[in-house]
Amino acid sequence: MTAEVFLDTNVLLYACSGVAEDAETKQRAGELILGGNFALSAQVLQEFIANALRKPALGIGKFVIDATLEMDSQVPVQPEDLEVVILSTILCRRQQLSHGQVLDDRCVANPFRQGITASTEVRKTFSRKSNHSLDKVGEPVPLS
């Protein structure tokens, strides 16, 4: 199963945040999640739980964590293993990731940036930078 979008920890945290100042970003994060067709990684889930528990000011309690994990059981989750950690480390050392950057056939997009309203906007950004299609998100990027 492939997904169109890979969500990072901040999307989950904003979607569940109880902080009033996060309302606009919370709405955007909720739209991404409700739009479906996304994937996560085990690391994203671990970071979400750790931050939710460590930062009580976010207002994310155990019930919300459990509900998020239940929802996430319905989407593809990239498992974490030594190979993924090594590849991620290599990628981070080789690339300074930024909005609009294309890596192989993947496009990096900040969903909270002005003008990015849906995955179609990500596709537009991607198509301007590459001749590839955005069909397989969630597979590891080759780093040979």
C-alpha atoms as a PDB file:
ATOM      1  CA  MET A   1       0.000   0.000   0.000  1.00  0.00           C
ATOM      2  CA  THR A   2       1.410   3.386  -0.942  1.00  0.00           C
ATOM      3  CA  ALA A   3       0.418   6.835   0.237  1.00  0.00           C
ATOM      4  CA  GLU A   4       0.426  10.230  -1.397  1.00  0.00           C
ATOM      5  CA  VAL A   5       1.728  12.094   1.657  1.00  0.00           C
ATOM      6  CA  PHE A   6       4.076  11.256   4.525  1.00  0.00           C
ATOM      7  CA  LEU A   7       3.150  13.103   7.715  1.00  0.00           C
ATOM      8  CA  ASP A   8       5.704  14.095  10.306  1.00  0.00           C
ATOM      9  CA  THR A   9       5.337  14.412  14.066  1.00  0.00           C
ATOM     10  CA  ASN A  10       4.346  18.086  14.038  1.00  0.00           C
ATOM     11  CA  VAL A  11       1.231  17.369  11.972  1.00  0.00           C
ATOM     12  CA  LEU A  12      -0.019  14.904  14.594  1.00  0.00           C
ATOM     13  CA  LEU A  13       0.903  17.230  17.471  1.00  0.00           C
ATOM     14  CA  TYR A  14      -0.856  20.238  15.936  1.00  0.00           C
ATOM     15  CA  ALA A  15      -3.912  18.144  15.059  1.00  0.00           C
ATOM     16  CA  CYS A  16      -4.279  17.134  18.707  1.00  0.00           C
ATOM     17  CA  SER A  17      -3.128  20.359  20.347  1.00  0.00           C
ATOM     18  CA  GLY A  18      -5.412  22.028  22.852  1.00  0.00           C
ATOM     19  CA  VAL A  19      -3.501  25.321  22.705  1.00  0.00           C
ATOM     20  CA  ALA A  20      -5.723  28.194  21.528  1.00  0.00           C
ATOM     21  CA  GLU A  21      -2.889  29.833  19.561  1.00  0.00           C
ATOM     22  CA  ASP A  22      -2.556  26.639  17.493  1.00  0.00           C
ATOM     23  CA  ALA A  23      -6.151  26.777  16.205  1.00  0.00           C
ATOM     24  CA  GLU A  24      -5.338  27.696  12.586  1.00  0.00           C
ATOM     25  CA  THR A  25      -2.489  25.198  12.323  1.00  0.00           C
ATOM     26  CA  LYS A  26      -4.632  22.596  14.087  1.00  0.00           C
ATOM     27  CA  GLN A  27      -7.312  23.027  11.429  1.00  0.00           C
ATOM     28  CA  ARG A  28      -4.752  22.575   8.624  1.00  0.00           C
ATOM     29  CA  ALA A  29      -3.291  19.472  10.296  1.00  0.00           C
ATOM     30  CA  GLY A  30      -6.798  18.047  10.705  1.00  0.00           C
ATOM     31  CA  GLU A  31      -7.517  18.617   7.006  1.00  0.00           C
ATOM     32  CA  LEU A  32      -4.387  16.677   6.067  1.00  0.00           C
ATOM     33  CA  ILE A  33      -5.352  13.773   8.294  1.00  0.00           C
ATOM     34  CA  LEU A  34      -9.012  13.724   7.237  1.00  0.00           C
ATOM     35  CA  GLY A  35      -7.888  13.854   3.602  1.00  0.00           C
ATOM     36  CA  GLY A  36      -6.566  10.339   4.092  1.00  0.00           C
ATOM     37  CA  ASN A  37      -3.989   8.718   1.826  1.00  0.00           C
ATOM     38  CA  PHE A  38      -1.069   9.433   4.156  1.00  0.00           C
ATOM     39  CA  ALA A  39       1.638   7.345   5.746  1.00  0.00           C
ATOM     40  CA  LEU A  40       3.599   7.592   8.973  1.00  0.00           C
ATOM     41  CA  SER A  41       6.651   5.975  10.449  1.00  0.00           C
ATOM     42  CA  ALA A  42       7.080   4.209  13.762  1.00  0.00           C
ATOM     43  CA  GLN A  43       9.480   7.007  14.696  1.00  0.00           C
ATOM     44  CA  VAL A  44       6.794   9.661  14.050  1.00  0.00           C
ATOM     45  CA  LEU A  45       4.403   7.788  16.351  1.00  0.00           C
ATOM     46  CA  GLN A  46       7.070   7.454  19.060  1.00  0.00           C
ATOM     47  CA  GLU A  47       7.922  11.168  18.826  1.00  0.00           C
ATOM     48  CA  PHE A  48       4.221  12.084  18.959  1.00  0.00           C
ATOM     49  CA  ILE A  49       3.671  10.086  22.160  1.00  0.00           C
ATOM     50  CA  ALA A  50       6.883  11.341  23.787  1.00  0.00           C
ATOM     51  CA  ASN A  51       6.082  14.998  23.042  1.00  0.00           C
ATOM     52  CA  ALA A  52       2.430  14.664  24.024  1.00  0.00           C
ATOM     53  CA  LEU A  53       3.413  13.224  27.408  1.00  0.00           C
ATOM     54  CA  ARG A  54       6.398  15.515  27.956  1.00  0.00           C
ATOM     55  CA  LYS A  55       4.542  18.752  27.102  1.00  0.00           C
ATOM     56  CA  PRO A  56       1.358  18.850  29.187  1.00  0.00           C
ATOM     57  CA  ALA A  57       0.677  22.422  28.000  1.00  0.00           C
ATOM     58  CA  LEU A  58      -0.378  20.911  24.637  1.00  0.00           C
ATOM     59  CA  GLY A  59      -3.371  19.363  26.388  1.00  0.00           C
ATOM     60  CA  ILE A  60      -2.912  15.974  24.734  1.00  0.00           C
ATOM     61  CA  GLY A  61      -3.981  13.335  27.239  1.00  0.00           C
ATOM     62  CA  LYS A  62      -3.869   9.558  27.212  1.00  0.00           C
ATOM     63  CA  PHE A  63      -7.335   9.318  25.629  1.00  0.00           C
ATOM     64  CA  VAL A  64      -6.248  11.470  22.675  1.00  0.00           C
ATOM     65  CA  ILE A  65      -3.015   9.484  22.319  1.00  0.00           C
ATOM     66  CA  ASP A  66      -4.983   6.219  22.287  1.00  0.00           C
ATOM     67  CA  ALA A  67      -7.475   7.604  19.739  1.00  0.00           C
ATOM     68  CA  THR A  68      -4.617   8.793  17.514  1.00  0.00           C
ATOM     69  CA  LEU A  69      -2.931   5.391  17.666  1.00  0.00           C
ATOM     70  CA  GLU A  70      -6.233   3.703  16.789  1.00  0.00           C
ATOM     71  CA  MET A  71      -6.675   5.985  13.764  1.00  0.00           C
ATOM     72  CA  ASP A  72      -3.053   5.432  12.757  1.00  0.00           C
ATOM     73  CA  SER A  73      -3.583   1.666  12.749  1.00  0.00           C
ATOM     74  CA  GLN A  74      -5.611   2.239   9.563  1.00  0.00           C
ATOM     75  CA  VAL A  75      -2.742   3.820   7.568  1.00  0.00           C
ATOM     76  CA  PRO A  76       0.619   2.551   6.296  1.00  0.00           C
ATOM     77  CA  VAL A  77       3.351   2.806   8.935  1.00  0.00           C
ATOM     78  CA  GLN A  78       7.008   2.491   7.941  1.00  0.00           C
ATOM     79  CA  PRO A  79       8.685   0.272  10.554  1.00  0.00           C
ATOM     80  CA  GLU A  80      11.923   1.427  12.128  1.00  0.00           C
ATOM     81  CA  ASP A  81      14.945  -0.798  11.942  1.00  0.00           C
ATOM     82  CA  LEU A  82      18.687  -0.314  11.745  1.00  0.00           C
ATOM     83  CA  GLU A  83      18.659   0.037   7.955  1.00  0.00           C
ATOM     84  CA  VAL A  84      16.079   2.845   8.077  1.00  0.00           C
ATOM     85  CA  VAL A  85      18.039   4.647  10.811  1.00  0.00           C
ATOM     86  CA  ILE A  86      21.275   4.398   8.808  1.00  0.00           C
ATOM     87  CA  LEU A  87      19.611   5.581   5.580  1.00  0.00           C
ATOM     88  CA  SER A  88      17.926   8.462   7.411  1.00  0.00           C
ATOM     89  CA  THR A  89      21.237   9.508   8.934  1.00  0.00           C
ATOM     90  CA  ILE A  90      22.939   9.447   5.536  1.00  0.00           C
ATOM     91  CA  LEU A  91      20.105  11.463   3.993  1.00  0.00           C
ATOM     92  CA  CYS A  92      20.252  14.081   6.754  1.00  0.00           C
ATOM     93  CA  ARG A  93      24.001  14.453   6.295  1.00  0.00           C
ATOM     94  CA  ARG A  94      23.711  14.786   2.508  1.00  0.00           C
ATOM     95  CA  GLN A  95      20.662  17.039   2.288  1.00  0.00           C
ATOM     96  CA  GLN A  96      19.361  20.132   4.019  1.00  0.00           C
ATOM     97  CA  LEU A  97      15.654  19.431   3.493  1.00  0.00           C
ATOM     98  CA  SER A  98      13.514  22.410   2.544  1.00  0.00           C
ATOM     99  CA  HIS A  99      10.089  23.097   1.082  1.00  0.00           C
ATOM    100  CA  GLY A 100       9.879  22.327  -2.642  1.00  0.00           C
ATOM    101  CA  GLN A 101      13.057  20.269  -2.714  1.00  0.00           C
ATOM    102  CA  VAL A 102      12.907  17.145  -4.889  1.00  0.00           C
ATOM    103  CA  LEU A 103      14.753  13.969  -3.903  1.00  0.00           C
ATOM    104  CA  ASP A 104      14.566  11.300  -6.571  1.00  0.00           C
ATOM    105  CA  ASP A 105      10.807  11.140  -7.148  1.00  0.00           C
ATOM    106  CA  ARG A 106       9.757  12.681  -3.802  1.00  0.00           C
ATOM    107  CA  CYS A 107       8.956  16.317  -3.077  1.00  0.00           C
ATOM    108  CA  VAL A 108       9.442  17.908   0.341  1.00  0.00           C
ATOM    109  CA  ALA A 109       6.490  20.138   1.262  1.00  0.00           C
ATOM    110  CA  ASN A 110       5.751  22.138   4.393  1.00  0.00           C
ATOM    111  CA  PRO A 111       1.972  21.708   4.817  1.00  0.00           C
ATOM    112  CA  PHE A 112       1.757  24.751   7.090  1.00  0.00           C
ATOM    113  CA  ARG A 113       3.380  27.102   4.583  1.00  0.00           C
ATOM    114  CA  GLN A 114       1.166  29.719   2.969  1.00  0.00           C
ATOM    115  CA  GLY A 115      -0.232  28.596  -0.384  1.00  0.00           C
ATOM    116  CA  ILE A 116      -0.069  24.869   0.332  1.00  0.00           C
ATOM    117  CA  THR A 117      -3.710  23.950   0.712  1.00  0.00           C
ATOM    118  CA  ALA A 118      -3.885  20.331  -0.399  1.00  0.00           C
ATOM    119  CA  SER A 119      -1.864  17.537  -1.915  1.00  0.00           C
ATOM    120  CA  THR A 120      -2.685  18.971  -5.349  1.00  0.00           C
ATOM    121  CA  GLU A 121      -0.606  22.009  -4.390  1.00  0.00           C
ATOM    122  CA  VAL A 122       2.243  19.697  -3.466  1.00  0.00           C
ATOM    123  CA  ARG A 123       1.872  18.041  -6.865  1.00  0.00           C
ATOM    124  CA  LYS A 124       2.047  21.455  -8.594  1.00  0.00           C
ATOM    125  CA  THR A 125       5.238  22.343  -6.724  1.00  0.00           C
ATOM    126  CA  PHE A 126       6.668  18.941  -7.525  1.00  0.00           C
ATOM    127  CA  SER A 127       5.780  19.025 -11.242  1.00  0.00           C
ATOM    128  CA  ARG A 128       7.502  22.390 -11.644  1.00  0.00           C
ATOM    129  CA  LYS A 129      10.725  20.913 -10.266  1.00  0.00           C
ATOM    130  CA  SER A 130      10.751  17.437 -11.775  1.00  0.00           C
ATOM    131  CA  ASN A 131       9.518  15.242 -14.579  1.00  0.00           C
ATOM    132  CA  HIS A 132       8.634  12.448 -12.151  1.00  0.00           C
ATOM    133  CA  SER A 133       5.208  11.516 -10.854  1.00  0.00           C
ATOM    134  CA  LEU A 134       4.172  11.494  -7.230  1.00  0.00           C
ATOM    135  CA  ASP A 135       2.872   7.939  -7.058  1.00  0.00           C
ATOM    136  CA  LYS A 136       4.964   6.207  -4.426  1.00  0.00           C
ATOM    137  CA  VAL A 137       5.457   8.077  -1.192  1.00  0.00           C
ATOM    138  CA  GLY A 138       6.559   6.083   1.803  1.00  0.00           C
ATOM    139  CA  GLU A 139       9.216   3.945   0.149  1.00  0.00           C
ATOM    140  CA  PRO A 140      12.805   4.582   1.266  1.00  0.00           C
ATOM    141  CA  VAL A 141      14.753   6.934  -0.988  1.00  0.00           C
ATOM    142  CA  PRO A 142      17.775   5.141  -2.544  1.00  0.00           C
ATOM    143  CA  LEU A 143      21.001   6.670  -1.234  1.00  0.00           C
ATOM    144  CA  SER A 144      23.676   4.953  -3.252  1.00  0.00           C
END
